[in-house]
């Protein structure tokens, strides 16, 4: 199981970035929300899902990430340089927390869900989850947690009750995390 950090400090592709993190407690959401803004990078990042290929990281792109308190998933809304949504990426996780420096993290449980702006849904890395169980990198309990969380998320997406799609569009449009001062910038 791999621990992943919201500031992506070890992402060598990106040479200059800004990272902002804020704890939010409201009736719609409780947890950390981060904004990772790409200012310069060595080369763009492209991803393919089905017959679609998208650029998900480039200069001026931003990733708005949600760490819902007490949940076993993290949602990343990826925006282009015109603040148009590219995709939502949902990581299934065992646990999440915050570093002493205020950077949210999560322990990845391999399974991922990608939702494109046209509504297409892709489940990724089932083979990695199965392999992790076979190699005893995770327990049967972890495996079932990942499977159950994924089933619940896919049901909410299908039922149009997953709140993060509209929430992320509104937060990005309003500049929700950009009103912070530049003390959060990371070079």
Protein backbone atom coordinates (compact mmCIF):
# COMPACT_ATOMS: atom_id res chain seq x y z
CA UNK A 1 0.00 0.00 0.00
CA UNK A 2 1.37 3.38 -0.99
CA UNK A 3 0.93 6.62 0.98
CA UNK A 4 0.17 9.58 -1.29
CA UNK A 5 0.44 13.25 -0.35
CA UNK A 6 -1.74 16.12 -1.56
CA UNK A 7 1.20 18.44 -2.29
CA UNK A 8 2.80 15.89 -4.65
CA UNK A 9 6.20 17.14 -3.49
CA UNK A 10 7.95 14.16 -5.14
CA UNK A 11 6.33 14.66 -8.57
CA UNK A 12 9.41 15.40 -10.68
CA UNK A 13 7.41 16.26 -13.83
CA UNK A 14 6.23 19.50 -12.21
CA UNK A 15 9.01 22.05 -11.70
CA UNK A 16 6.95 24.88 -10.18
CA UNK A 17 3.64 24.64 -8.37
CA UNK A 18 1.41 26.25 -5.84
CA UNK A 19 -0.33 24.20 -3.17
CA UNK A 20 -3.11 25.37 -0.89
CA UNK A 21 -4.88 23.31 1.76
CA UNK A 22 -7.86 24.21 3.89
CA UNK A 23 -9.96 22.36 6.45
CA UNK A 24 -13.67 22.91 5.82
CA UNK A 25 -16.57 22.12 8.12
CA UNK A 26 -19.98 22.81 6.59
CA UNK A 27 -23.30 21.07 6.07
CA UNK A 28 -22.19 20.03 2.56
CA UNK A 29 -18.65 18.90 3.30
CA UNK A 30 -16.30 18.26 6.20
CA UNK A 31 -12.65 17.53 5.58
CA UNK A 32 -9.65 18.92 3.75
CA UNK A 33 -9.82 20.55 0.34
CA UNK A 34 -6.60 21.22 -1.54
CA UNK A 35 -5.72 23.04 -4.74
CA UNK A 36 -2.62 21.99 -6.66
CA UNK A 37 -1.82 24.51 -9.40
CA UNK A 38 0.79 23.67 -12.03
CA UNK A 39 2.90 26.68 -13.00
CA UNK A 40 5.71 24.94 -14.92
CA UNK A 41 6.53 21.34 -15.85
CA UNK A 42 8.94 19.29 -17.94
CA UNK A 43 6.25 17.80 -20.17
CA UNK A 44 2.45 17.47 -20.19
CA UNK A 45 0.79 14.32 -18.85
CA UNK A 46 -1.70 12.49 -21.09
CA UNK A 47 -4.07 9.66 -20.05
CA UNK A 48 -6.29 7.38 -22.11
CA UNK A 49 -9.61 5.86 -21.04
CA UNK A 50 -11.45 3.73 -23.56
CA UNK A 51 -11.26 5.60 -26.87
CA UNK A 52 -10.52 8.97 -25.21
CA UNK A 53 -7.13 10.54 -24.59
CA UNK A 54 -6.84 13.61 -22.39
CA UNK A 55 -4.10 15.94 -21.25
CA UNK A 56 -4.53 16.06 -17.46
CA UNK A 57 -1.43 18.02 -16.44
CA UNK A 58 0.09 21.04 -18.16
CA UNK A 59 1.03 24.65 -17.42
CA UNK A 60 -1.96 26.46 -15.94
CA UNK A 61 -3.81 23.24 -15.04
CA UNK A 62 -5.11 22.69 -11.51
CA UNK A 63 -6.27 19.77 -9.43
CA UNK A 64 -8.88 20.39 -6.75
CA UNK A 65 -8.81 17.54 -4.26
CA UNK A 66 -11.30 16.51 -1.56
CA UNK A 67 -10.43 14.48 1.53
CA UNK A 68 -13.88 13.82 3.09
CA UNK A 69 -13.53 13.23 6.83
CA UNK A 70 -14.10 9.59 7.81
CA UNK A 71 -14.33 8.38 4.20
CA UNK A 72 -12.38 5.75 2.32
CA UNK A 73 -11.98 7.74 -0.86
CA UNK A 74 -10.38 10.92 -2.17
CA UNK A 75 -11.79 12.91 -5.10
CA UNK A 76 -9.59 14.87 -7.51
CA UNK A 77 -11.23 17.24 -10.00
CA UNK A 78 -8.78 18.02 -12.80
CA UNK A 79 -9.14 21.34 -14.64
CA UNK A 80 -7.42 22.69 -17.74
CA UNK A 81 -5.84 26.15 -18.10
CA UNK A 82 -9.28 27.65 -18.83
CA UNK A 83 -10.68 26.12 -15.61
CA UNK A 84 -12.79 23.64 -17.61
CA UNK A 85 -13.21 20.20 -16.06
CA UNK A 86 -11.27 17.38 -17.70
CA UNK A 87 -12.17 14.51 -15.38
CA UNK A 88 -12.81 13.43 -11.82
CA UNK A 89 -10.46 10.82 -10.40
CA UNK A 90 -11.55 8.94 -7.29
CA UNK A 91 -8.91 7.06 -5.28
CA UNK A 92 -10.13 4.33 -2.96
CA UNK A 93 -8.13 4.45 0.28
CA UNK A 94 -7.74 2.61 3.56
CA UNK A 95 -7.16 5.72 5.63
CA UNK A 96 -6.30 9.38 5.38
CA UNK A 97 -4.66 11.96 7.59
CA UNK A 98 -2.64 15.13 7.76
CA UNK A 99 1.12 15.68 8.20
CA UNK A 100 2.59 17.95 10.87
CA UNK A 101 3.08 20.48 8.06
CA UNK A 102 -0.65 20.44 7.22
CA UNK A 103 -0.46 18.33 4.06
CA UNK A 104 -3.30 15.80 3.63
CA UNK A 105 -2.32 12.21 2.76
CA UNK A 106 -4.04 8.89 2.06
CA UNK A 107 -3.10 5.21 1.98
CA UNK A 108 -4.08 4.06 -1.51
CA UNK A 109 -6.08 0.83 -1.88
CA UNK A 110 -5.32 0.46 -5.60
CA UNK A 111 -8.86 0.78 -7.05
CA UNK A 112 -9.70 4.01 -8.86
CA UNK A 113 -12.77 5.38 -10.56
CA UNK A 114 -12.52 7.91 -13.39
CA UNK A 115 -15.54 9.93 -14.44
CA UNK A 116 -15.20 11.95 -17.63
CA UNK A 117 -17.03 15.23 -18.17
CA UNK A 118 -19.36 13.42 -20.61
CA UNK A 119 -20.43 11.10 -17.77
CA UNK A 120 -18.52 7.98 -18.85
CA UNK A 121 -17.25 5.97 -15.88
CA UNK A 122 -14.16 3.76 -15.80
CA UNK A 123 -13.09 1.41 -12.99
CA UNK A 124 -9.30 1.09 -12.93
CA UNK A 125 -6.74 -1.23 -11.38
CA UNK A 126 -8.90 -4.16 -10.23
CA UNK A 127 -5.94 -6.33 -11.28
CA UNK A 128 -3.64 -4.37 -8.94
CA UNK A 129 -6.04 -4.88 -6.02
CA UNK A 130 -6.30 -8.62 -6.76
CA UNK A 131 -2.51 -8.87 -7.05
CA UNK A 132 -1.98 -7.01 -3.76
CA UNK A 133 -4.28 -9.50 -2.00
CA UNK A 134 -2.56 -12.49 -3.62
CA UNK A 135 0.86 -11.16 -2.54
CA UNK A 136 -0.50 -10.40 0.96
CA UNK A 137 0.31 -6.70 0.63
CA UNK A 138 -3.22 -6.08 1.91
CA UNK A 139 -5.53 -8.12 4.10
CA UNK A 140 -8.84 -9.69 3.03
CA UNK A 141 -10.48 -7.01 5.19
CA UNK A 142 -8.71 -4.26 3.20
CA UNK A 143 -9.76 -5.95 -0.04
CA UNK A 144 -13.42 -6.01 1.03
CA UNK A 145 -13.19 -2.37 2.20
CA UNK A 146 -11.97 -1.37 -1.27
CA UNK A 147 -14.65 -3.44 -3.01
CA UNK A 148 -17.49 -2.18 -0.79
CA UNK A 149 -16.40 1.47 -1.04
CA UNK A 150 -16.20 1.15 -4.82
CA UNK A 151 -19.68 -0.41 -5.04
CA UNK A 152 -21.14 2.41 -2.93
CA UNK A 153 -19.42 5.11 -4.99
CA UNK A 154 -20.47 3.60 -8.32
CA UNK A 155 -24.06 3.39 -7.04
CA UNK A 156 -23.99 7.06 -5.96
CA UNK A 157 -22.53 8.11 -9.31
CA UNK A 158 -25.16 6.09 -11.20
CA UNK A 159 -27.96 7.50 -9.01
CA UNK A 160 -26.66 11.07 -9.54
CA UNK A 161 -26.25 11.54 -5.77
CA UNK A 162 -22.45 11.90 -5.72
CA UNK A 163 -22.05 15.54 -4.60
CA UNK A 164 -18.45 16.17 -5.62
CA UNK A 165 -19.09 16.80 -9.31
CA UNK A 166 -21.15 19.95 -8.83
CA UNK A 167 -19.28 20.95 -5.66
CA UNK A 168 -15.92 20.93 -7.43
CA UNK A 169 -17.23 22.92 -10.40
CA UNK A 170 -18.65 25.55 -8.05
CA UNK A 171 -15.51 25.68 -5.88
CA UNK A 172 -13.26 26.07 -8.93
CA UNK A 173 -15.50 28.71 -10.52
CA UNK A 174 -15.63 30.73 -7.30
CA UNK A 175 -11.86 30.58 -6.70
CA UNK A 176 -12.61 29.00 -3.31
CA UNK A 177 -8.99 28.22 -2.38
CA UNK A 178 -7.31 30.97 -4.38
CA UNK A 179 -8.31 33.65 -1.88
CA UNK A 180 -5.57 32.43 0.46
CA UNK A 181 -2.39 34.47 0.59
CA UNK A 182 0.68 33.29 -1.26
CA UNK A 183 2.41 31.97 1.86
CA UNK A 184 1.13 28.55 0.76
CA UNK A 185 3.15 28.65 -2.48
CA UNK A 186 5.62 25.85 -3.04
CA UNK A 187 8.47 26.43 -5.47
